[in-house]
Amino acid sequence: MRPAALTPAEIADHLARMYRADHGRSDDIPTPAERTALADSLGCHEEARAAAWAAWTAELNPLD
């Protein structure tokens, strides 16, 4: 995974996958390297972080 090449929606999908895995609702467990790469990227790119958050919240609350 190259986080810099991902769209906000794709980042949101990865975050959702990680969340489901963390809460035992998926067997698709991300590797530590995937988590680190995404966290590093989002930590360094405020705009990407905000866009991904907006995409994820829209996915979580489609009626808002």
Protein backbone atom coordinates (compact mmCIF):
# COMPACT_ATOMS: atom_id res chain seq x y z
CA MET A 1 0.00 0.00 0.00
CA ARG A 2 1.27 3.43 -0.93
CA PRO A 3 -0.87 5.84 1.14
CA ALA A 4 0.18 8.87 -0.89
CA ALA A 5 -1.37 7.27 -3.98
CA LEU A 6 -4.72 6.54 -2.29
CA THR A 7 -7.86 8.63 -2.66
CA PRO A 8 -9.64 9.81 0.49
CA ALA A 9 -12.30 7.14 -0.08
CA GLU A 10 -9.64 4.44 -0.37
CA ILE A 11 -7.98 5.64 2.83
CA ALA A 12 -11.39 5.56 4.54
CA ASP A 13 -11.84 1.98 3.33
CA HIS A 14 -8.49 1.00 4.85
CA LEU A 15 -9.38 2.72 8.13
CA ALA A 16 -12.74 0.92 8.21
CA ARG A 17 -11.02 -2.42 7.53
CA MET A 18 -8.55 -1.79 10.36
CA TYR A 19 -11.36 -0.76 12.70
CA ARG A 20 -13.37 -3.91 11.93
CA ALA A 21 -10.29 -6.08 12.49
CA ASP A 22 -9.51 -4.32 15.78
CA HIS A 23 -13.03 -5.01 17.00
CA GLY A 24 -13.09 -8.66 15.98
CA ARG A 25 -15.52 -8.19 13.13
CA SER A 26 -13.11 -9.20 10.37
CA ASP A 27 -10.33 -11.67 9.74
CA ASP A 28 -8.72 -9.25 7.26
CA ILE A 29 -6.07 -8.07 9.71
CA PRO A 30 -3.69 -5.37 8.49
CA THR A 31 0.02 -5.86 8.97
CA PRO A 32 1.96 -3.62 11.31
CA ALA A 33 3.71 -2.20 8.22
CA GLU A 34 0.33 -1.23 6.69
CA ARG A 35 -0.74 0.47 9.88
CA THR A 36 2.54 2.34 10.20
CA ALA A 37 2.57 3.49 6.58
CA LEU A 38 -0.98 4.82 6.80
CA ALA A 39 -0.44 6.46 10.18
CA ASP A 40 2.80 8.10 9.04
CA SER A 41 1.15 9.41 5.90
CA LEU A 42 -1.91 10.77 7.68
CA GLY A 43 0.28 12.28 10.39
CA CYS A 44 2.26 14.23 7.82
CA HIS A 45 -0.56 15.31 5.51
CA GLU A 46 -3.26 17.25 7.30
CA GLU A 47 -5.34 17.74 4.14
CA ALA A 48 -5.34 14.01 3.37
CA ARG A 49 -6.27 13.25 6.98
CA ALA A 50 -9.20 15.70 6.88
CA ALA A 51 -10.42 14.39 3.52
CA ALA A 52 -10.18 10.76 4.66
CA TRP A 53 -12.04 11.60 7.88
CA ALA A 54 -14.79 13.30 5.88
CA ALA A 55 -15.06 10.29 3.56
CA TRP A 56 -15.18 7.85 6.47
CA THR A 57 -17.80 9.81 8.40
CA ALA A 58 -19.92 10.03 5.24
CA GLU A 59 -19.66 6.25 4.94
CA LEU A 60 -20.58 5.77 8.61
CA ASN A 61 -23.48 8.27 8.46
CA PRO A 62 -24.88 8.16 4.92
CA LEU A 63 -27.99 10.15 5.88
CA ASP A 64 -26.11 13.17 7.26
